[in-house]
Amino acid sequence: MSAIIECVSLTGRTLYAVVHNSSGQLWNTSGSAFENFNSAHWANYVTSLTEQTATGYYTAAFPSAIPAGKYTEVYYQGTGTVGDVVIGSSQIYWNGTIEEQGIAQVLSNAAMTELSSVPGATPTVWQALMLLYMSLRNIHTATSSQETICNDAGNPISNASLADNGTTFSKGQFV
């Protein structure tokens, strides 16, 4: 299913949406391109919303010609002229075919590459998650002096020193 533009409002309204890109340009449905605001083109920016049987739920198809990206939809009440009342806005993550359904979908569809070493002090979220995952899933050994995390093949990717003097246990940094 392609993406929809959707808005909830009072029933019986005349609503429309205008799609903006990250540069603030507006989608010109007539020219099928983003452009800088031009009041003479306002009617071409309008995507009319249709109410679903007196429910206050309004929808329209997201323009399929828009390239993949993150966009802002601004909702208006009025006849499609400059100066109509803004009633809200939202964002859409469009992949060019369908709307991405937020972080849960991104995480569920994104494969993370196994690490070959421990990331630095400021890892990406993916690197931090993968290190934890590898530590839990793969071979993880400890002796009285060293702890080791291995990759899927069982080869060590990192070691940390361990020490216990009978009073204090300490673990060094994985390197």
N, C-alpha and C. Protein backbone atom coordinates (compact mmCIF):
# COMPACT_ATOMS: atom_id res chain seq x y z
N MET A 1 0.83 -1.17 0.00
CA MET A 1 0.00 0.00 0.00
C MET A 1 0.88 1.24 0.00
N SER A 2 0.55 2.20 -0.83
CA SER A 2 1.30 3.44 -0.82
C SER A 2 0.92 4.26 0.40
N ALA A 3 1.59 5.36 0.60
CA ALA A 3 1.34 6.19 1.77
C ALA A 3 0.09 7.03 1.58
N ILE A 4 -0.47 7.41 2.72
CA ILE A 4 -1.61 8.32 2.68
C ILE A 4 -1.28 9.55 3.50
N ILE A 5 -1.88 10.65 3.10
CA ILE A 5 -1.86 11.85 3.91
C ILE A 5 -3.12 11.75 4.76
N GLU A 6 -3.00 11.92 6.06
CA GLU A 6 -4.18 11.77 6.90
C GLU A 6 -4.21 12.85 7.97
N CYS A 7 -5.43 13.26 8.29
CA CYS A 7 -5.64 14.33 9.25
C CYS A 7 -6.96 14.09 9.96
N VAL A 8 -7.01 14.40 11.25
CA VAL A 8 -8.24 14.29 12.01
C VAL A 8 -8.69 15.71 12.38
N SER A 9 -9.96 15.99 12.14
CA SER A 9 -10.51 17.32 12.43
C SER A 9 -12.00 17.19 12.69
N LEU A 10 -12.66 18.31 12.81
CA LEU A 10 -14.11 18.30 12.94
C LEU A 10 -14.72 17.85 11.61
N THR A 11 -15.85 17.23 11.68
CA THR A 11 -16.50 16.72 10.48
C THR A 11 -17.06 17.88 9.64
N GLY A 12 -17.16 17.63 8.33
CA GLY A 12 -17.75 18.59 7.41
C GLY A 12 -16.86 19.75 7.00
N ARG A 13 -15.56 19.62 7.16
CA ARG A 13 -14.63 20.70 6.81
C ARG A 13 -14.09 20.51 5.39
N THR A 14 -13.56 21.58 4.84
CA THR A 14 -12.84 21.51 3.56
C THR A 14 -11.36 21.62 3.92
N LEU A 15 -10.64 20.51 3.80
CA LEU A 15 -9.24 20.44 4.21
C LEU A 15 -8.35 20.06 3.04
N TYR A 16 -7.10 20.49 3.14
CA TYR A 16 -6.09 20.08 2.17
C TYR A 16 -4.73 20.06 2.84
N ALA A 17 -3.77 19.47 2.16
CA ALA A 17 -2.40 19.40 2.68
C ALA A 17 -1.43 19.94 1.65
N VAL A 18 -0.31 20.45 2.14
CA VAL A 18 0.80 20.89 1.30
C VAL A 18 2.03 20.16 1.82
N VAL A 19 2.81 19.55 0.92
CA VAL A 19 3.99 18.77 1.31
C VAL A 19 5.24 19.63 1.12
N HIS A 20 6.07 19.69 2.19
CA HIS A 20 7.32 20.45 2.17
C HIS A 20 8.50 19.48 2.30
N ASN A 21 9.61 19.80 1.63
CA ASN A 21 10.83 19.01 1.82
C ASN A 21 11.67 19.64 2.92
N SER A 22 12.84 19.06 3.19
CA SER A 22 13.68 19.54 4.30
C SER A 22 14.27 20.92 4.03
N SER A 23 14.21 21.39 2.79
CA SER A 23 14.68 22.74 2.46
C SER A 23 13.57 23.77 2.54
N GLY A 24 12.36 23.32 2.88
CA GLY A 24 11.23 24.23 2.97
C GLY A 24 10.51 24.46 1.65
N GLN A 25 10.97 23.78 0.62
CA GLN A 25 10.29 23.90 -0.68
C GLN A 25 8.97 23.16 -0.65
N LEU A 26 8.06 23.53 -1.53
CA LEU A 26 6.73 22.94 -1.59
C LEU A 26 6.61 22.07 -2.84
N TRP A 27 5.87 20.97 -2.70
CA TRP A 27 5.64 20.06 -3.82
C TRP A 27 4.61 20.67 -4.75
N ASN A 28 5.00 20.87 -6.02
CA ASN A 28 4.11 21.40 -7.03
C ASN A 28 3.51 20.21 -7.77
N THR A 29 2.24 19.91 -7.49
CA THR A 29 1.59 18.74 -8.08
C THR A 29 1.48 18.87 -9.59
N SER A 30 1.45 20.08 -10.09
CA SER A 30 1.34 20.31 -11.53
C SER A 30 2.68 20.06 -12.22
N GLY A 31 3.76 20.55 -11.61
CA GLY A 31 5.08 20.39 -12.20
C GLY A 31 5.80 19.16 -11.72
N SER A 32 5.22 18.46 -10.76
CA SER A 32 5.82 17.26 -10.17
C SER A 32 7.27 17.49 -9.72
N ALA A 33 7.45 18.57 -8.98
CA ALA A 33 8.78 18.90 -8.45
C ALA A 33 8.62 19.80 -7.25
N PHE A 34 9.65 19.85 -6.41
CA PHE A 34 9.67 20.79 -5.31
C PHE A 34 10.16 22.13 -5.84
N GLU A 35 9.61 23.20 -5.28
CA GLU A 35 10.03 24.54 -5.69
C GLU A 35 9.92 25.49 -4.51
N ASN A 36 10.61 26.61 -4.60
CA ASN A 36 10.48 27.64 -3.59
C ASN A 36 9.08 28.21 -3.65
N PHE A 37 8.60 28.69 -2.50
CA PHE A 37 7.25 29.23 -2.42
C PHE A 37 7.03 30.30 -3.48
N ASN A 38 5.89 30.20 -4.15
CA ASN A 38 5.46 31.19 -5.14
C ASN A 38 3.95 31.30 -4.96
N SER A 39 3.49 32.44 -4.46
CA SER A 39 2.06 32.58 -4.17
C SER A 39 1.19 32.34 -5.40
N ALA A 40 1.71 32.61 -6.58
CA ALA A 40 0.93 32.39 -7.81
C ALA A 40 0.72 30.89 -8.08
N HIS A 41 1.53 30.03 -7.44
CA HIS A 41 1.43 28.58 -7.65
C HIS A 41 0.68 27.88 -6.53
N TRP A 42 0.13 28.63 -5.57
CA TRP A 42 -0.46 28.01 -4.39
C TRP A 42 -1.45 26.90 -4.73
N ALA A 43 -2.31 27.12 -5.69
CA ALA A 43 -3.30 26.10 -6.06
C ALA A 43 -2.63 24.80 -6.51
N ASN A 44 -1.41 24.89 -7.03
CA ASN A 44 -0.68 23.70 -7.47
C ASN A 44 -0.03 22.94 -6.32
N TYR A 45 0.06 23.56 -5.14
CA TYR A 45 0.63 22.90 -3.97
C TYR A 45 -0.42 22.07 -3.22
N VAL A 46 -1.68 22.31 -3.50
CA VAL A 46 -2.79 21.75 -2.75
C VAL A 46 -3.04 20.28 -3.09
N THR A 47 -3.12 19.44 -2.06
CA THR A 47 -3.61 18.07 -2.19
C THR A 47 -4.87 18.00 -1.34
N SER A 48 -6.03 17.93 -1.99
CA SER A 48 -7.31 17.95 -1.29
C SER A 48 -7.50 16.68 -0.48
N LEU A 49 -8.04 16.83 0.72
CA LEU A 49 -8.34 15.70 1.59
C LEU A 49 -9.83 15.40 1.55
N THR A 50 -10.16 14.11 1.59
CA THR A 50 -11.55 13.67 1.56
C THR A 50 -11.90 13.06 2.91
N GLU A 51 -13.03 13.49 3.45
CA GLU A 51 -13.48 12.95 4.72
C GLU A 51 -14.10 11.58 4.52
N GLN A 52 -13.81 10.69 5.42
CA GLN A 52 -14.37 9.34 5.36
C GLN A 52 -15.70 9.30 6.09
N THR A 53 -16.78 9.39 5.40
CA THR A 53 -18.16 9.28 5.89
C THR A 53 -18.44 9.96 7.23
N ALA A 54 -18.33 11.25 7.26
CA ALA A 54 -18.68 12.05 8.45
C ALA A 54 -18.03 11.56 9.74
N THR A 55 -16.76 11.19 9.65
CA THR A 55 -16.04 10.69 10.82
C THR A 55 -15.04 11.70 11.36
N GLY A 56 -14.71 12.72 10.57
CA GLY A 56 -13.66 13.66 10.94
C GLY A 56 -12.28 13.14 10.59
N TYR A 57 -12.22 12.01 9.87
CA TYR A 57 -10.95 11.43 9.42
C TYR A 57 -10.81 11.72 7.92
N TYR A 58 -9.80 12.50 7.56
CA TYR A 58 -9.61 12.96 6.19
C TYR A 58 -8.34 12.33 5.61
N THR A 59 -8.41 11.92 4.34
CA THR A 59 -7.25 11.29 3.71
C THR A 59 -7.08 11.74 2.26
N ALA A 60 -5.89 11.49 1.75
CA ALA A 60 -5.56 11.66 0.33
C ALA A 60 -4.33 10.79 0.08
N ALA A 61 -4.11 10.42 -1.15
CA ALA A 61 -2.92 9.65 -1.51
C ALA A 61 -1.70 10.56 -1.46
N PHE A 62 -0.60 10.07 -0.88
CA PHE A 62 0.66 10.80 -0.90
C PHE A 62 1.17 10.79 -2.34
N PRO A 63 1.63 11.92 -2.87
CA PRO A 63 2.07 11.96 -4.27
C PRO A 63 3.20 10.96 -4.54
N SER A 64 2.96 9.98 -5.36
CA SER A 64 3.93 8.90 -5.59
C SER A 64 5.16 9.36 -6.37
N ALA A 65 5.10 10.51 -7.01
CA ALA A 65 6.25 11.01 -7.77
C ALA A 65 7.31 11.65 -6.87
N ILE A 66 6.98 11.87 -5.60
CA ILE A 66 7.95 12.46 -4.68
C ILE A 66 9.04 11.44 -4.38
N PRO A 67 10.32 11.85 -4.47
CA PRO A 67 11.41 10.90 -4.19
C PRO A 67 11.47 10.52 -2.71
N ALA A 68 12.17 9.45 -2.40
CA ALA A 68 12.31 8.98 -1.03
C ALA A 68 12.89 10.08 -0.15
N GLY A 69 12.39 10.17 1.09
CA GLY A 69 12.91 11.15 2.03
C GLY A 69 11.94 11.41 3.17
N LYS A 70 12.31 12.36 4.01
CA LYS A 70 11.47 12.79 5.14
C LYS A 70 10.81 14.09 4.74
N TYR A 71 9.50 14.16 4.91
CA TYR A 71 8.73 15.33 4.48
C TYR A 71 7.79 15.80 5.57
N THR A 72 7.42 17.07 5.49
CA THR A 72 6.44 17.65 6.40
C THR A 72 5.17 17.92 5.61
N GLU A 73 4.05 17.49 6.18
CA GLU A 73 2.74 17.76 5.59
C GLU A 73 2.09 18.82 6.47
N VAL A 74 1.67 19.92 5.86
CA VAL A 74 0.99 20.99 6.58
C VAL A 74 -0.47 20.96 6.16
N TYR A 75 -1.37 20.96 7.15
CA TYR A 75 -2.80 20.83 6.87
C TYR A 75 -3.48 22.20 7.00
N TYR A 76 -4.36 22.46 6.06
CA TYR A 76 -5.08 23.73 6.00
C TYR A 76 -6.58 23.48 5.94
N GLN A 77 -7.32 24.45 6.48
CA GLN A 77 -8.77 24.47 6.30
C GLN A 77 -9.07 25.68 5.43
N GLY A 78 -9.78 25.44 4.34
CA GLY A 78 -10.12 26.53 3.45
C GLY A 78 -10.29 26.07 2.02
N THR A 79 -10.30 27.02 1.14
CA THR A 79 -10.62 26.75 -0.26
C THR A 79 -9.40 26.54 -1.14
N GLY A 80 -8.20 26.54 -0.57
CA GLY A 80 -7.00 26.32 -1.36
C GLY A 80 -6.37 27.61 -1.85
N THR A 81 -6.46 28.64 -1.02
CA THR A 81 -5.84 29.91 -1.39
C THR A 81 -4.85 30.34 -0.31
N VAL A 82 -3.90 31.19 -0.70
CA VAL A 82 -2.93 31.70 0.25
C VAL A 82 -3.68 32.40 1.37
N GLY A 83 -3.31 32.10 2.61
CA GLY A 83 -3.96 32.72 3.76
C GLY A 83 -4.96 31.81 4.45
N ASP A 84 -5.22 30.61 3.90
CA ASP A 84 -6.10 29.67 4.59
C ASP A 84 -5.50 29.31 5.95
N VAL A 85 -6.34 28.87 6.86
CA VAL A 85 -5.93 28.60 8.24
C VAL A 85 -5.17 27.27 8.34
N VAL A 86 -3.99 27.32 8.94
CA VAL A 86 -3.22 26.11 9.23
C VAL A 86 -3.85 25.44 10.44
N ILE A 87 -4.15 24.14 10.32
CA ILE A 87 -4.76 23.42 11.45
C ILE A 87 -3.84 22.34 12.02
N GLY A 88 -2.67 22.14 11.42
CA GLY A 88 -1.75 21.15 11.96
C GLY A 88 -0.67 20.78 10.97
N SER A 89 0.18 19.86 11.39
CA SER A 89 1.24 19.35 10.52
C SER A 89 1.69 17.99 11.05
N SER A 90 2.39 17.26 10.21
CA SER A 90 2.97 15.98 10.62
C SER A 90 4.14 15.69 9.70
N GLN A 91 4.87 14.63 10.01
CA GLN A 91 5.98 14.22 9.16
C GLN A 91 5.74 12.84 8.61
N ILE A 92 6.31 12.60 7.45
CA ILE A 92 6.21 11.30 6.81
C ILE A 92 7.60 10.88 6.36
N TYR A 93 7.91 9.62 6.55
CA TYR A 93 9.15 9.03 6.08
C TYR A 93 8.78 8.17 4.87
N TRP A 94 9.02 8.68 3.69
CA TRP A 94 8.60 8.07 2.44
C TRP A 94 9.81 7.38 1.82
N ASN A 95 9.68 6.08 1.51
CA ASN A 95 10.83 5.37 0.92
C ASN A 95 10.75 5.32 -0.61
N GLY A 96 9.80 6.04 -1.19
CA GLY A 96 9.63 6.07 -2.64
C GLY A 96 8.52 5.15 -3.12
N THR A 97 8.11 4.23 -2.25
CA THR A 97 7.04 3.29 -2.58
C THR A 97 5.97 3.27 -1.50
N ILE A 98 6.42 3.21 -0.24
CA ILE A 98 5.50 3.17 0.90
C ILE A 98 6.02 4.08 2.00
N GLU A 99 5.16 4.36 2.97
CA GLU A 99 5.57 5.13 4.13
C GLU A 99 6.25 4.19 5.11
N GLU A 100 7.41 4.59 5.63
CA GLU A 100 8.06 3.83 6.68
C GLU A 100 7.27 4.05 7.96
N GLN A 101 7.11 3.04 8.76
CA GLN A 101 6.27 3.11 9.94
C GLN A 101 7.05 3.39 11.21
N GLY A 102 7.96 4.33 11.16
CA GLY A 102 8.67 4.75 12.35
C GLY A 102 9.84 3.86 12.69
N ILE A 103 10.40 4.04 13.87
CA ILE A 103 11.63 3.39 14.28
C ILE A 103 11.50 1.87 14.37
N ALA A 104 10.33 1.37 14.75
CA ALA A 104 10.15 -0.08 14.86
C ALA A 104 10.36 -0.75 13.51
N GLN A 105 9.83 -0.16 12.45
CA GLN A 105 10.01 -0.75 11.13
C GLN A 105 11.44 -0.61 10.66
N VAL A 106 12.04 0.55 10.92
CA VAL A 106 13.43 0.75 10.51
C VAL A 106 14.32 -0.29 11.18
N LEU A 107 14.13 -0.49 12.50
CA LEU A 107 14.96 -1.45 13.21
C LEU A 107 14.68 -2.88 12.77
N SER A 108 13.42 -3.20 12.47
CA SER A 108 13.10 -4.57 12.10
C SER A 108 13.59 -4.93 10.70
N ASN A 109 13.84 -3.94 9.86
CA ASN A 109 14.27 -4.21 8.49
C ASN A 109 15.75 -3.96 8.25
N ALA A 110 16.45 -3.48 9.23
CA ALA A 110 17.84 -3.11 9.04
C ALA A 110 18.76 -4.18 9.62
N ALA A 111 19.57 -4.81 8.76
CA ALA A 111 20.55 -5.78 9.23
C ALA A 111 21.78 -5.02 9.73
N MET A 112 22.32 -5.46 10.86
CA MET A 112 23.52 -4.83 11.40
C MET A 112 24.71 -5.72 11.10
N THR A 113 25.76 -5.13 10.64
CA THR A 113 26.98 -5.86 10.32
C THR A 113 27.73 -6.19 11.60
N GLU A 114 28.23 -7.43 11.66
CA GLU A 114 28.99 -7.86 12.84
C GLU A 114 30.26 -7.02 12.96
N LEU A 115 30.63 -6.69 14.19
CA LEU A 115 31.82 -5.89 14.45
C LEU A 115 33.07 -6.73 14.35
N SER A 116 34.16 -6.09 13.94
CA SER A 116 35.45 -6.79 13.92
C SER A 116 36.33 -6.32 15.07
N SER A 117 35.90 -5.26 15.74
CA SER A 117 36.60 -4.75 16.92
C SER A 117 35.62 -3.94 17.75
N VAL A 118 36.04 -3.57 18.94
CA VAL A 118 35.18 -2.77 19.80
C VAL A 118 35.16 -1.33 19.28
N PRO A 119 33.97 -0.73 19.16
CA PRO A 119 33.90 0.66 18.71
C PRO A 119 34.56 1.60 19.71
N GLY A 120 34.85 2.81 19.27
CA GLY A 120 35.47 3.81 20.13
C GLY A 120 34.54 4.30 21.23
N ALA A 121 34.93 5.36 21.89
CA ALA A 121 34.19 5.89 23.04
C ALA A 121 32.85 6.50 22.66
N THR A 122 32.64 6.84 21.39
CA THR A 122 31.37 7.44 20.96
C THR A 122 30.80 6.63 19.78
N PRO A 123 30.31 5.41 20.07
CA PRO A 123 29.81 4.56 18.99
C PRO A 123 28.46 5.04 18.46
N THR A 124 28.12 4.57 17.28
CA THR A 124 26.76 4.79 16.78
C THR A 124 25.83 3.88 17.57
N VAL A 125 24.55 4.13 17.49
CA VAL A 125 23.57 3.27 18.16
C VAL A 125 23.72 1.85 17.65
N TRP A 126 23.90 1.69 16.33
CA TRP A 126 24.04 0.36 15.74
C TRP A 126 25.25 -0.37 16.30
N GLN A 127 26.39 0.31 16.44
CA GLN A 127 27.60 -0.32 16.96
C GLN A 127 27.41 -0.75 18.42
N ALA A 128 26.79 0.12 19.20
CA ALA A 128 26.56 -0.21 20.62
C ALA A 128 25.64 -1.42 20.75
N LEU A 129 24.56 -1.44 19.98
CA LEU A 129 23.64 -2.58 20.02
C LEU A 129 24.32 -3.86 19.55
N MET A 130 25.10 -3.76 18.49
CA MET A 130 25.76 -4.96 17.96
C MET A 130 26.78 -5.52 18.95
N LEU A 131 27.51 -4.65 19.65
CA LEU A 131 28.47 -5.16 20.64
C LEU A 131 27.74 -5.91 21.75
N LEU A 132 26.65 -5.35 22.24
CA LEU A 132 25.86 -6.06 23.26
C LEU A 132 25.33 -7.39 22.73
N TYR A 133 24.80 -7.36 21.52
CA TYR A 133 24.27 -8.58 20.90
C TYR A 133 25.36 -9.64 20.76
N MET A 134 26.52 -9.23 20.24
CA MET A 134 27.61 -10.19 20.05
C MET A 134 28.07 -10.76 21.39
N SER A 135 28.08 -9.93 22.43
CA SER A 135 28.51 -10.38 23.75
C SER A 135 27.54 -11.42 24.31
N LEU A 136 26.24 -11.24 24.04
CA LEU A 136 25.24 -12.19 24.54
C LEU A 136 25.12 -13.44 23.67
N ARG A 137 25.24 -13.29 22.36
CA ARG A 137 24.97 -14.39 21.43
C ARG A 137 26.19 -15.28 21.19
N ASN A 138 27.33 -14.66 20.99
CA ASN A 138 28.52 -15.39 20.57
C ASN A 138 29.30 -15.93 21.77
N ILE A 139 30.34 -16.65 21.47
CA ILE A 139 31.22 -17.15 22.54
C ILE A 139 31.76 -15.96 23.31
N HIS A 140 31.66 -16.05 24.61
CA HIS A 140 32.11 -15.00 25.52
C HIS A 140 32.78 -15.74 26.67
N THR A 141 34.09 -15.66 26.75
CA THR A 141 34.80 -16.44 27.77
C THR A 141 35.44 -15.52 28.81
N ALA A 142 35.76 -16.11 29.95
CA ALA A 142 36.45 -15.37 31.00
C ALA A 142 37.36 -16.33 31.76
N THR A 143 38.56 -15.88 32.00
CA THR A 143 39.49 -16.60 32.87
C THR A 143 39.69 -15.72 34.10
N SER A 144 40.61 -16.10 34.96
CA SER A 144 40.85 -15.28 36.14
C SER A 144 41.52 -13.95 35.79
N SER A 145 42.06 -13.83 34.56
CA SER A 145 42.76 -12.59 34.20
C SER A 145 42.25 -11.90 32.95
N GLN A 146 41.32 -12.54 32.22
CA GLN A 146 40.90 -11.93 30.95
C GLN A 146 39.49 -12.35 30.55
N GLU A 147 38.71 -11.41 29.99
CA GLU A 147 37.39 -11.67 29.44
C GLU A 147 37.47 -11.39 27.94
N THR A 148 36.85 -12.26 27.14
CA THR A 148 36.94 -12.15 25.68
C THR A 148 35.57 -12.23 25.04
N ILE A 149 35.32 -11.36 24.07
CA ILE A 149 34.12 -11.41 23.23
C ILE A 149 34.55 -11.86 21.85
N CYS A 150 33.82 -12.84 21.29
CA CYS A 150 34.17 -13.39 19.98
C CYS A 150 33.13 -13.03 18.93
N ASN A 151 33.51 -13.16 17.66
CA ASN A 151 32.55 -12.98 16.56
C ASN A 151 31.82 -14.30 16.33
N ASP A 152 30.98 -14.34 15.32
CA ASP A 152 30.17 -15.54 15.04
C ASP A 152 31.04 -16.76 14.75
N ALA A 153 32.20 -16.55 14.16
CA ALA A 153 33.10 -17.66 13.83
C ALA A 153 33.90 -18.14 15.03
N GLY A 154 33.77 -17.45 16.17
CA GLY A 154 34.50 -17.86 17.37
C GLY A 154 35.85 -17.19 17.52
N ASN A 155 36.16 -16.23 16.65
CA ASN A 155 37.43 -15.51 16.74
C ASN A 155 37.29 -14.30 17.65
N PRO A 156 38.23 -14.08 18.55
CA PRO A 156 38.15 -12.94 19.47
C PRO A 156 38.13 -11.60 18.73
N ILE A 157 37.24 -10.70 19.18
CA ILE A 157 37.26 -9.34 18.63
C ILE A 157 37.74 -8.35 19.69
N SER A 158 37.69 -8.76 20.97
CA SER A 158 38.10 -7.85 22.03
C SER A 158 38.39 -8.59 23.31
N ASN A 159 39.31 -8.02 24.09
CA ASN A 159 39.66 -8.57 25.39
C ASN A 159 39.64 -7.46 26.43
N ALA A 160 39.34 -7.84 27.66
CA ALA A 160 39.42 -6.92 28.79
C ALA A 160 40.15 -7.65 29.92
N SER A 161 41.03 -6.94 30.60
CA SER A 161 41.76 -7.58 31.71
C SER A 161 40.87 -7.66 32.95
N LEU A 162 41.07 -8.71 33.70
CA LEU A 162 40.33 -8.93 34.95
C LEU A 162 41.33 -9.07 36.09
N ALA A 163 40.94 -8.56 37.24
CA ALA A 163 41.80 -8.69 38.42
C ALA A 163 40.93 -8.85 39.66
N ASP A 164 41.40 -9.69 40.59
CA ASP A 164 40.68 -9.89 41.85
C ASP A 164 41.71 -10.14 42.94
N ASN A 165 41.82 -9.21 43.88
CA ASN A 165 42.81 -9.36 44.95
C ASN A 165 42.20 -9.92 46.23
N GLY A 166 40.98 -10.45 46.13
CA GLY A 166 40.30 -11.02 47.29
C GLY A 166 39.40 -10.01 47.96
N THR A 167 39.60 -8.73 47.71
CA THR A 167 38.76 -7.68 48.28
C THR A 167 38.02 -6.94 47.18
N THR A 168 38.74 -6.63 46.09
CA THR A 168 38.17 -5.85 44.99
C THR A 168 38.34 -6.60 43.67
N PHE A 169 37.21 -6.70 42.95
CA PHE A 169 37.25 -7.23 41.59
C PHE A 169 37.22 -6.06 40.63
N SER A 170 38.04 -6.10 39.59
CA SER A 170 38.00 -5.03 38.59
C SER A 170 38.11 -5.64 37.19
N LYS A 171 37.46 -4.96 36.25
CA LYS A 171 37.51 -5.34 34.85
C LYS A 171 37.99 -4.14 34.08
N GLY A 172 38.96 -4.35 33.22
CA GLY A 172 39.48 -3.28 32.38
C GLY A 172 38.56 -3.00 31.20
N GLN A 173 38.94 -2.05 30.40
CA GLN A 173 38.18 -1.65 29.23
C GLN A 173 38.42 -2.66 28.10
N PHE A 174 37.32 -2.98 27.38
CA PHE A 174 37.50 -3.83 26.19
C PHE A 174 38.24 -3.04 25.13
N VAL A 175 39.29 -3.65 24.60
CA VAL A 175 40.09 -3.01 23.55
C VAL A 175 40.31 -3.95 22.39
